[in-house]
Amino acid sequence: PQAPTHYNFDWEKAGFETRRDYVESIYEGLNQAGDAITEAQKEEGLVEARLAFAMNIDVYSEEPLWAESVVGIANVVSGFVQR
């Protein structure tokens, strides 16, 4: 399986020397945007962010963790047997 594309960062292509510099620039932009909105808008954003995180948790917990554990163990065992 391949990581979802939103987890792949090409910070060098974006003009940054390190991943840390890239992430810091994102935080800086978020802070600037936060300074430009009202307290009510910030609160609305927090409500929506909490909802988005809750939905993300639901998506990633659709399969029981034990099922993934069984698959992982089977992969390890089959790899060991093949050697």
N, C-alpha and C. Protein backbone atom coordinates (compact mmCIF):
# COMPACT_ATOMS: atom_id res chain seq x y z
N PRO A 1 0.82 -1.20 0.00
CA PRO A 1 0.00 0.00 0.00
C PRO A 1 0.87 1.26 0.00
N GLN A 2 0.34 2.27 -0.57
CA GLN A 2 1.05 3.54 -0.67
C GLN A 2 0.39 4.56 0.25
N ALA A 3 1.20 5.43 0.86
CA ALA A 3 0.66 6.46 1.74
C ALA A 3 -0.23 7.40 0.95
N PRO A 4 -1.31 7.87 1.56
CA PRO A 4 -2.15 8.86 0.88
C PRO A 4 -1.30 10.06 0.47
N THR A 5 -1.63 10.65 -0.66
CA THR A 5 -0.79 11.72 -1.19
C THR A 5 -0.72 12.93 -0.28
N HIS A 6 -1.72 13.15 0.57
CA HIS A 6 -1.65 14.30 1.45
C HIS A 6 -0.61 14.13 2.55
N TYR A 7 0.01 12.94 2.65
CA TYR A 7 1.08 12.74 3.61
C TYR A 7 2.46 12.90 2.99
N ASN A 8 2.51 13.11 1.67
CA ASN A 8 3.78 13.28 0.98
C ASN A 8 4.05 14.76 0.74
N PHE A 9 5.17 15.25 1.29
CA PHE A 9 5.52 16.66 1.18
C PHE A 9 6.77 16.80 0.33
N ASP A 10 6.73 17.64 -0.70
CA ASP A 10 7.91 17.92 -1.51
C ASP A 10 8.37 19.34 -1.17
N TRP A 11 8.98 19.49 0.01
CA TRP A 11 9.36 20.81 0.48
C TRP A 11 10.48 21.42 -0.35
N GLU A 12 11.36 20.59 -0.92
CA GLU A 12 12.44 21.13 -1.74
C GLU A 12 11.87 21.77 -3.01
N LYS A 13 10.89 21.11 -3.60
CA LYS A 13 10.24 21.65 -4.79
C LYS A 13 9.53 22.97 -4.47
N ALA A 14 9.05 23.08 -3.24
CA ALA A 14 8.37 24.31 -2.81
C ALA A 14 9.36 25.40 -2.41
N GLY A 15 10.66 25.10 -2.46
CA GLY A 15 11.68 26.11 -2.18
C GLY A 15 12.21 26.13 -0.76
N PHE A 16 12.00 25.06 -0.02
CA PHE A 16 12.46 25.00 1.37
C PHE A 16 13.60 24.00 1.49
N GLU A 17 14.53 24.28 2.40
CA GLU A 17 15.68 23.40 2.57
C GLU A 17 15.33 22.15 3.37
N THR A 18 14.43 22.29 4.34
CA THR A 18 14.08 21.15 5.19
C THR A 18 12.57 21.05 5.35
N ARG A 19 12.13 19.89 5.78
CA ARG A 19 10.70 19.69 6.07
C ARG A 19 10.26 20.64 7.17
N ARG A 20 11.13 20.83 8.16
CA ARG A 20 10.80 21.72 9.28
C ARG A 20 10.53 23.14 8.79
N ASP A 21 11.36 23.65 7.88
CA ASP A 21 11.15 24.98 7.32
C ASP A 21 9.80 25.07 6.61
N TYR A 22 9.48 24.01 5.88
CA TYR A 22 8.21 23.95 5.15
C TYR A 22 7.03 24.00 6.12
N VAL A 23 7.08 23.17 7.16
CA VAL A 23 6.00 23.11 8.15
C VAL A 23 5.89 24.44 8.89
N GLU A 24 7.02 25.03 9.26
CA GLU A 24 7.00 26.32 9.95
C GLU A 24 6.34 27.40 9.09
N SER A 25 6.58 27.34 7.77
CA SER A 25 5.95 28.34 6.89
C SER A 25 4.43 28.16 6.85
N ILE A 26 3.99 26.92 6.94
CA ILE A 26 2.54 26.66 6.97
C ILE A 26 1.96 27.22 8.27
N TYR A 27 2.63 26.95 9.39
CA TYR A 27 2.16 27.49 10.67
C TYR A 27 2.13 29.01 10.66
N GLU A 28 3.15 29.61 10.07
CA GLU A 28 3.21 31.07 10.00
C GLU A 28 2.01 31.61 9.21
N GLY A 29 1.72 30.96 8.09
CA GLY A 29 0.56 31.38 7.29
C GLY A 29 -0.75 31.21 8.04
N LEU A 30 -0.88 30.11 8.78
CA LEU A 30 -2.09 29.89 9.58
C LEU A 30 -2.23 30.95 10.66
N ASN A 31 -1.12 31.28 11.31
CA ASN A 31 -1.16 32.31 12.35
C ASN A 31 -1.54 33.67 11.78
N GLN A 32 -1.01 34.01 10.60
CA GLN A 32 -1.37 35.27 9.96
C GLN A 32 -2.85 35.29 9.60
N ALA A 33 -3.35 34.18 9.09
CA ALA A 33 -4.77 34.11 8.76
C ALA A 33 -5.62 34.23 10.02
N GLY A 34 -5.18 33.61 11.11
CA GLY A 34 -5.90 33.69 12.37
C GLY A 34 -5.94 35.10 12.93
N ASP A 35 -4.88 35.85 12.70
CA ASP A 35 -4.86 37.24 13.17
C ASP A 35 -5.82 38.13 12.39
N ALA A 36 -6.22 37.68 11.21
CA ALA A 36 -7.06 38.51 10.34
C ALA A 36 -8.56 38.24 10.51
N ILE A 37 -8.92 37.33 11.41
CA ILE A 37 -10.35 37.01 11.57
C ILE A 37 -10.82 37.38 12.98
N THR A 38 -12.13 37.45 13.13
CA THR A 38 -12.71 37.82 14.42
C THR A 38 -12.72 36.63 15.38
N GLU A 39 -12.97 36.91 16.65
CA GLU A 39 -13.07 35.84 17.66
C GLU A 39 -14.21 34.88 17.31
N ALA A 40 -15.32 35.42 16.82
CA ALA A 40 -16.46 34.57 16.44
C ALA A 40 -16.08 33.64 15.30
N GLN A 41 -15.32 34.16 14.33
CA GLN A 41 -14.89 33.32 13.21
C GLN A 41 -13.90 32.25 13.69
N LYS A 42 -13.06 32.60 14.64
CA LYS A 42 -12.13 31.61 15.20
C LYS A 42 -12.90 30.48 15.88
N GLU A 43 -13.93 30.86 16.63
CA GLU A 43 -14.75 29.85 17.32
C GLU A 43 -15.45 28.95 16.31
N GLU A 44 -15.99 29.53 15.24
CA GLU A 44 -16.63 28.72 14.19
C GLU A 44 -15.62 27.76 13.57
N GLY A 45 -14.40 28.24 13.36
CA GLY A 45 -13.35 27.39 12.81
C GLY A 45 -13.00 26.24 13.72
N LEU A 46 -12.96 26.51 15.03
CA LEU A 46 -12.69 25.44 16.00
C LEU A 46 -13.79 24.38 16.00
N VAL A 47 -15.03 24.83 15.91
CA VAL A 47 -16.15 23.89 15.87
C VAL A 47 -16.02 22.99 14.65
N GLU A 48 -15.73 23.58 13.50
CA GLU A 48 -15.59 22.80 12.26
C GLU A 48 -14.37 21.88 12.31
N ALA A 49 -13.27 22.36 12.89
CA ALA A 49 -12.06 21.53 12.99
C ALA A 49 -12.32 20.31 13.87
N ARG A 50 -13.01 20.53 14.98
CA ARG A 50 -13.33 19.40 15.88
C ARG A 50 -14.22 18.39 15.17
N LEU A 51 -15.17 18.87 14.39
CA LEU A 51 -16.03 17.97 13.62
C LEU A 51 -15.22 17.19 12.60
N ALA A 52 -14.31 17.88 11.90
CA ALA A 52 -13.47 17.21 10.89
C ALA A 52 -12.60 16.14 11.54
N PHE A 53 -12.00 16.45 12.70
CA PHE A 53 -11.16 15.46 13.38
C PHE A 53 -11.99 14.27 13.84
N ALA A 54 -13.19 14.52 14.33
CA ALA A 54 -14.07 13.42 14.75
C ALA A 54 -14.43 12.53 13.56
N MET A 55 -14.70 13.14 12.42
CA MET A 55 -15.02 12.35 11.22
C MET A 55 -13.80 11.56 10.76
N ASN A 56 -12.62 12.16 10.87
CA ASN A 56 -11.39 11.47 10.48
C ASN A 56 -11.17 10.24 11.37
N ILE A 57 -11.42 10.39 12.66
CA ILE A 57 -11.31 9.26 13.58
C ILE A 57 -12.27 8.16 13.17
N ASP A 58 -13.49 8.54 12.82
CA ASP A 58 -14.48 7.55 12.40
C ASP A 58 -14.03 6.80 11.15
N VAL A 59 -13.47 7.52 10.19
CA VAL A 59 -13.02 6.89 8.95
C VAL A 59 -11.91 5.89 9.23
N TYR A 60 -10.92 6.30 10.03
CA TYR A 60 -9.78 5.42 10.29
C TYR A 60 -10.11 4.32 11.28
N SER A 61 -11.25 4.35 11.93
CA SER A 61 -11.59 3.26 12.83
C SER A 61 -12.75 2.42 12.31
N GLU A 62 -13.01 2.49 11.01
CA GLU A 62 -14.08 1.68 10.45
C GLU A 62 -13.78 0.19 10.59
N GLU A 63 -12.52 -0.19 10.38
CA GLU A 63 -12.13 -1.58 10.56
C GLU A 63 -11.63 -1.76 11.99
N PRO A 64 -11.99 -2.83 12.60
CA PRO A 64 -11.46 -3.06 13.96
C PRO A 64 -9.94 -3.23 13.91
N LEU A 65 -9.25 -2.72 14.90
CA LEU A 65 -7.80 -2.82 14.94
C LEU A 65 -7.32 -4.26 14.99
N TRP A 66 -8.11 -5.14 15.61
CA TRP A 66 -7.68 -6.53 15.69
C TRP A 66 -7.60 -7.14 14.32
N ALA A 67 -8.46 -6.71 13.38
CA ALA A 67 -8.42 -7.26 12.02
C ALA A 67 -7.10 -6.89 11.35
N GLU A 68 -6.66 -5.64 11.53
CA GLU A 68 -5.38 -5.23 10.96
C GLU A 68 -4.23 -5.97 11.63
N SER A 69 -4.36 -6.24 12.91
CA SER A 69 -3.32 -6.98 13.62
C SER A 69 -3.19 -8.39 13.07
N VAL A 70 -4.30 -9.03 12.81
CA VAL A 70 -4.29 -10.39 12.26
C VAL A 70 -3.62 -10.39 10.89
N VAL A 71 -3.95 -9.41 10.05
CA VAL A 71 -3.33 -9.32 8.73
C VAL A 71 -1.82 -9.11 8.87
N GLY A 72 -1.41 -8.23 9.79
CA GLY A 72 0.01 -7.98 10.00
C GLY A 72 0.75 -9.23 10.45
N ILE A 73 0.17 -9.95 11.39
CA ILE A 73 0.79 -11.19 11.87
C ILE A 73 0.88 -12.21 10.74
N ALA A 74 -0.16 -12.32 9.94
CA ALA A 74 -0.15 -13.25 8.80
C ALA A 74 0.95 -12.88 7.82
N ASN A 75 1.15 -11.60 7.58
CA ASN A 75 2.22 -11.16 6.68
C ASN A 75 3.60 -11.54 7.23
N VAL A 76 3.79 -11.34 8.52
CA VAL A 76 5.07 -11.69 9.14
C VAL A 76 5.31 -13.19 9.05
N VAL A 77 4.30 -13.98 9.38
CA VAL A 77 4.44 -15.44 9.36
C VAL A 77 4.70 -15.93 7.94
N SER A 78 3.94 -15.42 6.97
CA SER A 78 4.13 -15.87 5.59
C SER A 78 5.51 -15.47 5.07
N GLY A 79 5.99 -14.30 5.46
CA GLY A 79 7.34 -13.90 5.07
C GLY A 79 8.40 -14.79 5.68
N PHE A 80 8.19 -15.17 6.92
CA PHE A 80 9.13 -16.06 7.60
C PHE A 80 9.13 -17.44 6.95
N VAL A 81 7.96 -17.95 6.61
CA VAL A 81 7.83 -19.28 6.00
C VAL A 81 8.48 -19.29 4.62
N GLN A 82 8.36 -18.20 3.87
CA GLN A 82 8.92 -18.13 2.52
C GLN A 82 10.45 -18.14 2.55
N ARG A 83 11.04 -17.70 3.62
CA ARG A 83 12.51 -17.68 3.72
C ARG A 83 12.98 -19.04 4.06
